[in-house]
PDB file of N, CA and C in Angstrom:
ATOM      1  N   UNK A   1       6.039 -11.152  24.523  1.00  0.00           N
ATOM      2  CA  UNK A   1       7.138 -11.094  23.576  1.00  0.00           C
ATOM      3  C   UNK A   1       6.756 -10.178  22.420  1.00  0.00           C
ATOM      4  N   UNK A   2       7.485  -9.121  22.216  1.00  0.00           N
ATOM      5  CA  UNK A   2       7.264  -8.208  21.095  1.00  0.00           C
ATOM      6  C   UNK A   2       7.948  -8.767  19.851  1.00  0.00           C
ATOM      7  N   UNK A   3       7.298  -8.610  18.716  1.00  0.00           N
ATOM      8  CA  UNK A   3       7.833  -9.137  17.463  1.00  0.00           C
ATOM      9  C   UNK A   3       7.874  -8.042  16.413  1.00  0.00           C
ATOM     10  N   UNK A   4       8.999  -7.951  15.711  1.00  0.00           N
ATOM     11  CA  UNK A   4       9.149  -7.085  14.553  1.00  0.00           C
ATOM     12  C   UNK A   4       8.610  -5.679  14.785  1.00  0.00           C
ATOM     13  N   UNK A   5       9.189  -4.981  15.689  1.00  0.00           N
ATOM     14  CA  UNK A   5       8.754  -3.620  15.992  1.00  0.00           C
ATOM     15  C   UNK A   5       9.018  -2.697  14.804  1.00  0.00           C
ATOM     16  N   UNK A   6       8.104  -1.763  14.582  1.00  0.00           N
ATOM     17  CA  UNK A   6       8.214  -0.787  13.495  1.00  0.00           C
ATOM     18  C   UNK A   6       7.965   0.604  14.066  1.00  0.00           C
ATOM     19  N   UNK A   7       8.745   1.557  13.620  1.00  0.00           N
ATOM     20  CA  UNK A   7       8.602   2.933  14.073  1.00  0.00           C
ATOM     21  C   UNK A   7       7.690   3.717  13.140  1.00  0.00           C
ATOM     22  N   UNK A   8       6.943   4.660  13.702  1.00  0.00           N
ATOM     23  CA  UNK A   8       6.302   5.678  12.894  1.00  0.00           C
ATOM     24  C   UNK A   8       7.427   6.598  12.427  1.00  0.00           C
ATOM     25  N   UNK A   9       7.314   7.167  11.254  1.00  0.00           N
ATOM     26  CA  UNK A   9       8.427   7.914  10.666  1.00  0.00           C
ATOM     27  C   UNK A   9       8.967   9.021  11.570  1.00  0.00           C
ATOM     28  N   UNK A  10       8.094   9.683  12.318  1.00  0.00           N
ATOM     29  CA  UNK A  10       8.566  10.780  13.169  1.00  0.00           C
ATOM     30  C   UNK A  10       9.183  10.304  14.477  1.00  0.00           C
ATOM     31  N   UNK A  11       9.197   8.979  14.723  1.00  0.00           N
ATOM     32  CA  UNK A  11       9.825   8.413  15.908  1.00  0.00           C
ATOM     33  C   UNK A  11       9.034   8.579  17.188  1.00  0.00           C
ATOM     34  N   UNK A  12       7.784   9.009  17.093  1.00  0.00           N
ATOM     35  CA  UNK A  12       6.987   9.263  18.293  1.00  0.00           C
ATOM     36  C   UNK A  12       6.068   8.107  18.675  1.00  0.00           C
ATOM     37  N   UNK A  13       6.101   7.025  17.883  1.00  0.00           N
ATOM     38  CA  UNK A  13       5.257   5.872  18.192  1.00  0.00           C
ATOM     39  C   UNK A  13       5.948   4.617  17.664  1.00  0.00           C
ATOM     40  N   UNK A  14       5.806   3.548  18.427  1.00  0.00           N
ATOM     41  CA  UNK A  14       6.390   2.262  18.062  1.00  0.00           C
ATOM     42  C   UNK A  14       5.267   1.236  18.014  1.00  0.00           C
ATOM     43  N   UNK A  15       5.256   0.409  16.975  1.00  0.00           N
ATOM     44  CA  UNK A  15       4.224  -0.616  16.781  1.00  0.00           C
ATOM     45  C   UNK A  15       4.877  -1.989  16.876  1.00  0.00           C
ATOM     46  N   UNK A  16       4.163  -2.950  17.466  1.00  0.00           N
ATOM     47  CA  UNK A  16       4.694  -4.308  17.583  1.00  0.00           C
ATOM     48  C   UNK A  16       3.548  -5.287  17.795  1.00  0.00           C
ATOM     49  N   UNK A  17       3.835  -6.563  17.565  1.00  0.00           N
ATOM     50  CA  UNK A  17       2.870  -7.631  17.830  1.00  0.00           C
ATOM     51  C   UNK A  17       3.143  -8.207  19.202  1.00  0.00           C
ATOM     52  N   UNK A  18       2.096  -8.408  20.000  1.00  0.00           N
ATOM     53  CA  UNK A  18       2.293  -9.088  21.284  1.00  0.00           C
ATOM     54  C   UNK A  18       2.087 -10.584  21.090  1.00  0.00           C
ATOM     55  N   UNK A  19       2.197 -11.350  22.132  1.00  0.00           N
ATOM     56  CA  UNK A  19       2.112 -12.812  22.030  1.00  0.00           C
ATOM     57  C   UNK A  19       0.720 -13.318  21.664  1.00  0.00           C
ATOM     58  N   UNK A  20      -0.296 -12.475  21.799  1.00  0.00           N
ATOM     59  CA  UNK A  20      -1.665 -12.858  21.433  1.00  0.00           C
ATOM     60  C   UNK A  20      -2.059 -12.326  20.053  1.00  0.00           C
ATOM     61  N   UNK A  21      -1.064 -11.902  19.259  1.00  0.00           N
ATOM     62  CA  UNK A  21      -1.276 -11.357  17.908  1.00  0.00           C
ATOM     63  C   UNK A  21      -2.058 -10.053  17.894  1.00  0.00           C
ATOM     64  N   UNK A  22      -1.976  -9.294  18.967  1.00  0.00           N
ATOM     65  CA  UNK A  22      -2.547  -7.951  18.956  1.00  0.00           C
ATOM     66  C   UNK A  22      -1.498  -7.002  18.404  1.00  0.00           C
ATOM     67  N   UNK A  23      -1.914  -6.127  17.474  1.00  0.00           N
ATOM     68  CA  UNK A  23      -1.023  -5.085  16.996  1.00  0.00           C
ATOM     69  C   UNK A  23      -1.067  -3.985  18.041  1.00  0.00           C
ATOM     70  N   UNK A  24       0.062  -3.739  18.663  1.00  0.00           N
ATOM     71  CA  UNK A  24       0.164  -2.813  19.783  1.00  0.00           C
ATOM     72  C   UNK A  24       0.867  -1.528  19.344  1.00  0.00           C
ATOM     73  N   UNK A  25       0.604  -0.462  20.086  1.00  0.00           N
ATOM     74  CA  UNK A  25       1.292   0.808  19.865  1.00  0.00           C
ATOM     75  C   UNK A  25       1.702   1.370  21.215  1.00  0.00           C
ATOM     76  N   UNK A  26       2.831   2.057  21.215  1.00  0.00           N
ATOM     77  CA  UNK A  26       3.291   2.735  22.430  1.00  0.00           C
ATOM     78  C   UNK A  26       3.870   4.085  22.013  1.00  0.00           C
ATOM     79  N   UNK A  27       3.455   5.130  22.717  1.00  0.00           N
ATOM     80  CA  UNK A  27       3.986   6.463  22.467  1.00  0.00           C
ATOM     81  C   UNK A  27       5.416   6.542  22.990  1.00  0.00           C
ATOM     82  N   UNK A  28       6.263   7.261  22.249  1.00  0.00           N
ATOM     83  CA  UNK A  28       7.665   7.421  22.618  1.00  0.00           C
ATOM     84  C   UNK A  28       7.965   8.916  22.681  1.00  0.00           C
ATOM     85  N   UNK A  29       8.501   9.356  23.816  1.00  0.00           N
ATOM     86  CA  UNK A  29       8.850  10.757  24.011  1.00  0.00           C
ATOM     87  C   UNK A  29      10.353  10.863  24.219  1.00  0.00           C
ATOM     88  N   UNK A  30      11.034  11.542  23.293  1.00  0.00           N
ATOM     89  CA  UNK A  30      12.481  11.712  23.381  1.00  0.00           C
ATOM     90  C   UNK A  30      12.856  13.173  23.592  1.00  0.00           C
ATOM     91  N   UNK A  31      11.898  13.982  24.031  1.00  0.00           N
ATOM     92  CA  UNK A  31      12.148  15.419  24.149  1.00  0.00           C
ATOM     93  C   UNK A  31      13.049  15.781  25.340  1.00  0.00           C
ATOM     94  N   UNK A  32      13.093  14.948  26.353  1.00  0.00           N
ATOM     95  CA  UNK A  32      13.924  15.232  27.531  1.00  0.00           C
ATOM     96  C   UNK A  32      15.263  14.537  27.447  1.00  0.00           C
ATOM     97  N   UNK A  33      15.909  14.390  28.598  1.00  0.00           N
ATOM     98  CA  UNK A  33      17.212  13.722  28.654  1.00  0.00           C
ATOM     99  C   UNK A  33      17.083  12.208  28.547  1.00  0.00           C
ATOM    100  N   UNK A  34      15.913  11.673  28.927  1.00  0.00           N
ATOM    101  CA  UNK A  34      15.693  10.232  28.879  1.00  0.00           C
ATOM    102  C   UNK A  34      14.526   9.917  27.940  1.00  0.00           C
ATOM    103  N   UNK A  35      14.538   8.743  27.391  1.00  0.00           N
ATOM    104  CA  UNK A  35      13.423   8.285  26.568  1.00  0.00           C
ATOM    105  C   UNK A  35      12.302   7.837  27.492  1.00  0.00           C
ATOM    106  N   UNK A  36      11.097   8.343  27.253  1.00  0.00           N
ATOM    107  CA  UNK A  36       9.938   7.947  28.052  1.00  0.00           C
ATOM    108  C   UNK A  36       8.941   7.225  27.158  1.00  0.00           C
ATOM    109  N   UNK A  37       8.495   6.069  27.632  1.00  0.00           N
ATOM    110  CA  UNK A  37       7.512   5.270  26.903  1.00  0.00           C
ATOM    111  C   UNK A  37       6.158   5.398  27.569  1.00  0.00           C
ATOM    112  N   UNK A  38       5.113   5.495  26.749  1.00  0.00           N
ATOM    113  CA  UNK A  38       3.757   5.518  27.270  1.00  0.00           C
ATOM    114  C   UNK A  38       3.300   4.105  27.601  1.00  0.00           C
ATOM    115  N   UNK A  39       2.034   3.973  27.873  1.00  0.00           N
ATOM    116  CA  UNK A  39       1.450   2.662  28.168  1.00  0.00           C
ATOM    117  C   UNK A  39       1.088   1.991  26.843  1.00  0.00           C
ATOM    118  N   UNK A  40       1.611   0.795  26.580  1.00  0.00           N
ATOM    119  CA  UNK A  40       1.242   0.098  25.341  1.00  0.00           C
ATOM    120  C   UNK A  40      -0.263  -0.167  25.297  1.00  0.00           C
ATOM    121  N   UNK A  41      -0.844   0.004  24.110  1.00  0.00           N
ATOM    122  CA  UNK A  41      -2.273  -0.251  23.951  1.00  0.00           C
ATOM    123  C   UNK A  41      -2.514  -0.988  22.636  1.00  0.00           C
ATOM    124  N   UNK A  42      -3.519  -1.861  22.658  1.00  0.00           N
ATOM    125  CA  UNK A  42      -3.854  -2.663  21.481  1.00  0.00           C
ATOM    126  C   UNK A  42      -4.621  -1.810  20.476  1.00  0.00           C
ATOM    127  N   UNK A  43      -4.216  -1.914  19.212  1.00  0.00           N
ATOM    128  CA  UNK A  43      -4.939  -1.247  18.135  1.00  0.00           C
ATOM    129  C   UNK A  43      -5.988  -2.179  17.548  1.00  0.00           C
ATOM    130  N   UNK A  44      -5.584  -3.430  17.299  1.00  0.00           N
ATOM    131  CA  UNK A  44      -6.490  -4.449  16.771  1.00  0.00           C
ATOM    132  C   UNK A  44      -5.778  -5.790  16.821  1.00  0.00           C
ATOM    133  N   UNK A  45      -6.541  -6.863  16.622  1.00  0.00           N
ATOM    134  CA  UNK A  45      -5.943  -8.195  16.585  1.00  0.00           C
ATOM    135  C   UNK A  45      -5.599  -8.537  15.143  1.00  0.00           C
ATOM    136  N   UNK A  46      -4.386  -8.997  14.924  1.00  0.00           N
ATOM    137  CA  UNK A  46      -3.913  -9.397  13.601  1.00  0.00           C
ATOM    138  C   UNK A  46      -4.272 -10.865  13.379  1.00  0.00           C
ATOM    139  N   UNK A  47      -5.412 -11.099  12.798  1.00  0.00           N
ATOM    140  CA  UNK A  47      -5.935 -12.454  12.597  1.00  0.00           C
ATOM    141  C   UNK A  47      -5.099 -13.193  11.549  1.00  0.00           C
ATOM    142  N   UNK A  48      -4.711 -14.406  11.864  1.00  0.00           N
ATOM    143  CA  UNK A  48      -3.961 -15.296  10.959  1.00  0.00           C
ATOM    144  C   UNK A  48      -2.624 -14.715  10.508  1.00  0.00           C
ATOM    145  N   UNK A  49      -2.016 -13.892  11.328  1.00  0.00           N
ATOM    146  CA  UNK A  49      -0.745 -13.275  10.955  1.00  0.00           C
ATOM    147  C   UNK A  49       0.347 -14.332  10.820  1.00  0.00           C
ATOM    148  N   UNK A  50       1.192 -14.161   9.820  1.00  0.00           N
ATOM    149  CA  UNK A  50       2.321 -15.051   9.576  1.00  0.00           C
ATOM    150  C   UNK A  50       3.573 -14.367  10.115  1.00  0.00           C
ATOM    151  N   UNK A  51       4.015 -14.750  11.283  1.00  0.00           N
ATOM    152  CA  UNK A  51       5.146 -14.101  11.942  1.00  0.00           C
ATOM    153  C   UNK A  51       6.493 -14.419  11.296  1.00  0.00           C
ATOM    154  N   UNK A  52       6.592 -15.531  10.613  1.00  0.00           N
ATOM    155  CA  UNK A  52       7.883 -15.980  10.105  1.00  0.00           C
ATOM    156  C   UNK A  52       8.381 -15.155   8.925  1.00  0.00           C
ATOM    157  N   UNK A  53       7.521 -14.524   8.192  1.00  0.00           N
ATOM    158  CA  UNK A  53       7.924 -13.868   6.942  1.00  0.00           C
ATOM    159  C   UNK A  53       7.447 -12.430   6.885  1.00  0.00           C
ATOM    160  N   UNK A  54       7.937 -11.582   7.769  1.00  0.00           N
ATOM    161  CA  UNK A  54       7.527 -10.181   7.751  1.00  0.00           C
ATOM    162  C   UNK A  54       6.081 -10.033   8.150  1.00  0.00           C
ATOM    163  N   UNK A  55       5.794 -10.077   9.423  1.00  0.00           N
ATOM    164  CA  UNK A  55       4.429 -10.127   9.937  1.00  0.00           C
ATOM    165  C   UNK A  55       3.580  -8.926   9.541  1.00  0.00           C
ATOM    166  N   UNK A  56       4.168  -7.731   9.557  1.00  0.00           N
ATOM    167  CA  UNK A  56       3.380  -6.544   9.226  1.00  0.00           C
ATOM    168  C   UNK A  56       4.283  -5.395   8.826  1.00  0.00           C
ATOM    169  N   UNK A  57       3.660  -4.386   8.236  1.00  0.00           N
ATOM    170  CA  UNK A  57       4.341  -3.127   7.985  1.00  0.00           C
ATOM    171  C   UNK A  57       3.337  -2.015   8.227  1.00  0.00           C
ATOM    172  N   UNK A  58       3.837  -0.810   8.362  1.00  0.00           N
ATOM    173  CA  UNK A  58       2.991   0.335   8.698  1.00  0.00           C
ATOM    174  C   UNK A  58       3.403   1.524   7.833  1.00  0.00           C
ATOM    175  N   UNK A  59       2.429   2.352   7.470  1.00  0.00           N
ATOM    176  CA  UNK A  59       2.742   3.547   6.704  1.00  0.00           C
ATOM    177  C   UNK A  59       3.508   4.535   7.579  1.00  0.00           C
ATOM    178  N   UNK A  60       4.139   5.493   6.938  1.00  0.00           N
ATOM    179  CA  UNK A  60       4.978   6.467   7.648  1.00  0.00           C
ATOM    180  C   UNK A  60       4.197   7.245   8.700  1.00  0.00           C
ATOM    181  N   UNK A  61       2.904   7.496   8.448  1.00  0.00           N
ATOM    182  CA  UNK A  61       2.097   8.260   9.409  1.00  0.00           C
ATOM    183  C   UNK A  61       1.481   7.389  10.494  1.00  0.00           C
ATOM    184  N   UNK A  62       1.668   6.069  10.408  1.00  0.00           N
ATOM    185  CA  UNK A  62       1.153   5.150  11.422  1.00  0.00           C
ATOM    186  C   UNK A  62      -0.343   4.931  11.380  1.00  0.00           C
ATOM    187  N   UNK A  63      -0.981   5.228  10.249  1.00  0.00           N
ATOM    188  CA  UNK A  63      -2.442   5.117  10.170  1.00  0.00           C
ATOM    189  C   UNK A  63      -2.940   3.903   9.391  1.00  0.00           C
ATOM    190  N   UNK A  64      -2.070   3.292   8.590  1.00  0.00           N
ATOM    191  CA  UNK A  64      -2.472   2.131   7.805  1.00  0.00           C
ATOM    192  C   UNK A  64      -1.452   1.021   8.004  1.00  0.00           C
ATOM    193  N   UNK A  65      -1.972  -0.211   8.029  1.00  0.00           N
ATOM    194  CA  UNK A  65      -1.134  -1.376   8.272  1.00  0.00           C
ATOM    195  C   UNK A  65      -1.341  -2.414   7.177  1.00  0.00           C
ATOM    196  N   UNK A  66      -0.288  -3.113   6.851  1.00  0.00           N
ATOM    197  CA  UNK A  66      -0.336  -4.245   5.950  1.00  0.00           C
ATOM    198  C   UNK A  66       0.037  -5.462   6.782  1.00  0.00           C
ATOM    199  N   UNK A  67      -0.898  -6.400   6.908  1.00  0.00           N
ATOM    200  CA  UNK A  67      -0.692  -7.591   7.726  1.00  0.00           C
ATOM    201  C   UNK A  67      -0.471  -8.788   6.813  1.00  0.00           C
ATOM    202  N   UNK A  68       0.606  -9.527   7.045  1.00  0.00           N
ATOM    203  CA  UNK A  68       0.874 -10.740   6.286  1.00  0.00           C
ATOM    204  C   UNK A  68       0.040 -11.862   6.900  1.00  0.00           C
ATOM    205  N   UNK A  69      -1.109 -12.106   6.310  1.00  0.00           N
ATOM    206  CA  UNK A  69      -1.986 -13.171   6.814  1.00  0.00           C
ATOM    207  C   UNK A  69      -2.162 -14.254   5.765  1.00  0.00           C
ATOM    208  N   UNK A  70      -1.209 -14.323   4.849  1.00  0.00           N
ATOM    209  CA  UNK A  70      -1.278 -15.326   3.789  1.00  0.00           C
ATOM    210  C   UNK A  70      -1.176 -16.733   4.324  1.00  0.00           C
ATOM    211  N   UNK A  71      -1.663 -17.647   3.562  1.00  0.00           N
ATOM    212  CA  UNK A  71      -1.618 -19.053   3.910  1.00  0.00           C
ATOM    213  C   UNK A  71      -0.309 -19.628   3.386  1.00  0.00           C
ATOM    214  N   UNK A  72       0.600 -19.965   4.280  1.00  0.00           N
ATOM    215  CA  UNK A  72       1.872 -20.521   3.854  1.00  0.00           C
ATOM    216  C   UNK A  72       1.712 -22.003   3.572  1.00  0.00           C
ATOM    217  N   UNK A  73       1.933 -22.367   2.311  1.00  0.00           N
ATOM    218  CA  UNK A  73       1.833 -23.754   1.899  1.00  0.00           C
ATOM    219  C   UNK A  73       3.153 -24.177   1.270  1.00  0.00           C
ATOM    220  N   UNK A  74       3.414 -25.440   1.364  1.00  0.00           N
ATOM    221  CA  UNK A  74       4.572 -26.003   0.681  1.00  0.00           C
ATOM    222  C   UNK A  74       4.210 -26.167  -0.784  1.00  0.00           C
ATOM    223  N   UNK A  75       5.180 -26.022  -1.650  1.00  0.00           N
ATOM    224  CA  UNK A  75       4.928 -26.282  -3.062  1.00  0.00           C
ATOM    225  C   UNK A  75       5.403 -25.145  -3.942  1.00  0.00           C
ATOM    226  N   UNK A  76       5.158 -25.314  -5.207  1.00  0.00           N
ATOM    227  CA  UNK A  76       5.585 -24.348  -6.215  1.00  0.00           C
ATOM    228  C   UNK A  76       4.373 -23.728  -6.890  1.00  0.00           C
ATOM    229  N   UNK A  77       3.786 -22.765  -6.255  1.00  0.00           N
ATOM    230  CA  UNK A  77       2.669 -22.069  -6.866  1.00  0.00           C
ATOM    231  C   UNK A  77       3.208 -20.923  -7.701  1.00  0.00           C
ATOM    232  N   UNK A  78       2.597 -20.667  -8.860  1.00  0.00           N
ATOM    233  CA  UNK A  78       3.103 -19.586  -9.718  1.00  0.00           C
ATOM    234  C   UNK A  78       2.904 -18.218  -9.078  1.00  0.00           C
ATOM    235  N   UNK A  79       3.819 -17.332  -9.417  1.00  0.00           N
ATOM    236  CA  UNK A  79       3.761 -15.958  -8.938  1.00  0.00           C
ATOM    237  C   UNK A  79       3.944 -15.056 -10.151  1.00  0.00           C
ATOM    238  N   UNK A  80       3.033 -14.119 -10.354  1.00  0.00           N
ATOM    239  CA  UNK A  80       3.111 -13.213 -11.490  1.00  0.00           C
ATOM    240  C   UNK A  80       3.404 -11.806 -10.983  1.00  0.00           C
ATOM    241  N   UNK A  81       4.458 -11.213 -11.500  1.00  0.00           N
ATOM    242  CA  UNK A  81       4.822  -9.851 -11.158  1.00  0.00           C
ATOM    243  C   UNK A  81       4.611  -8.996 -12.393  1.00  0.00           C
ATOM    244  N   UNK A  82       3.761  -8.004 -12.287  1.00  0.00           N
ATOM    245  CA  UNK A  82       3.496  -7.109 -13.408  1.00  0.00           C
ATOM    246  C   UNK A  82       4.211  -5.796 -13.136  1.00  0.00           C
ATOM    247  N   UNK A  83       5.144  -5.473 -14.015  1.00  0.00           N
ATOM    248  CA  UNK A  83       5.879  -4.228 -13.874  1.00  0.00           C
ATOM    249  C   UNK A  83       5.324  -3.197 -14.840  1.00  0.00           C
ATOM    250  N   UNK A  84       5.422  -1.934 -14.448  1.00  0.00           N
ATOM    251  CA  UNK A  84       4.982  -0.824 -15.280  1.00  0.00           C
ATOM    252  C   UNK A  84       3.528  -0.974 -15.707  1.00  0.00           C
ATOM    253  N   UNK A  85       2.673  -1.432 -14.796  1.00  0.00           N
ATOM    254  CA  UNK A  85       1.277  -1.668 -15.125  1.00  0.00           C
ATOM    255  C   UNK A  85       0.509  -0.404 -15.497  1.00  0.00           C
ATOM    256  N   UNK A  86       0.858   0.792 -14.987  1.00  0.00           N
ATOM    257  CA  UNK A  86       0.120   1.987 -15.432  1.00  0.00           C
ATOM    258  C   UNK A  86       0.238   2.231 -16.928  1.00  0.00           C
ATOM    259  N   UNK A  87       1.406   1.905 -17.504  1.00  0.00           N
ATOM    260  CA  UNK A  87       1.579   2.078 -18.956  1.00  0.00           C
ATOM    261  C   UNK A  87       0.667   1.133 -19.722  1.00  0.00           C
ATOM    262  N   UNK A  88       0.461  -0.060 -19.188  1.00  0.00           N
ATOM    263  CA  UNK A  88      -0.435  -1.022 -19.842  1.00  0.00           C
ATOM    264  C   UNK A  88      -1.879  -0.525 -19.839  1.00  0.00           C
ATOM    265  N   UNK A  89      -2.257   0.210 -18.814  1.00  0.00           N
ATOM    266  CA  UNK A  89      -3.619   0.740 -18.750  1.00  0.00           C
ATOM    267  C   UNK A  89      -3.873   1.797 -19.817  1.00  0.00           C
ATOM    268  N   UNK A  90      -2.839   2.489 -20.244  1.00  0.00           N
ATOM    269  CA  UNK A  90      -2.977   3.558 -21.240  1.00  0.00           C
ATOM    270  C   UNK A  90      -3.160   3.027 -22.652  1.00  0.00           C
ATOM    271  N   UNK A  91      -2.876   1.742 -22.887  1.00  0.00           N
ATOM    272  CA  UNK A  91      -2.984   1.149 -24.234  1.00  0.00           C
ATOM    273  C   UNK A  91      -4.409   0.933 -24.642  1.00  0.00           C
TER     274      UNK A  91
END
């Protein structure tokens, strides 16, 4: 079962999670009349990935990944959002 597929910006590669939490990639060729898919291959295992809340994202070039491996707990833990932090560094 593929989960939350993400495209590389140029559309030549598709990334997805398989059922064993491996981050997979498959080459996509759209140059002809039909779409041709390569053989899916594992890039790495996404340890402790949280599939329910945006499991992963990938940079436009397909070279860096952000994996949601946070510990989901019930409760009201504080969350701090700092906006315009570069300006604070200049002070």
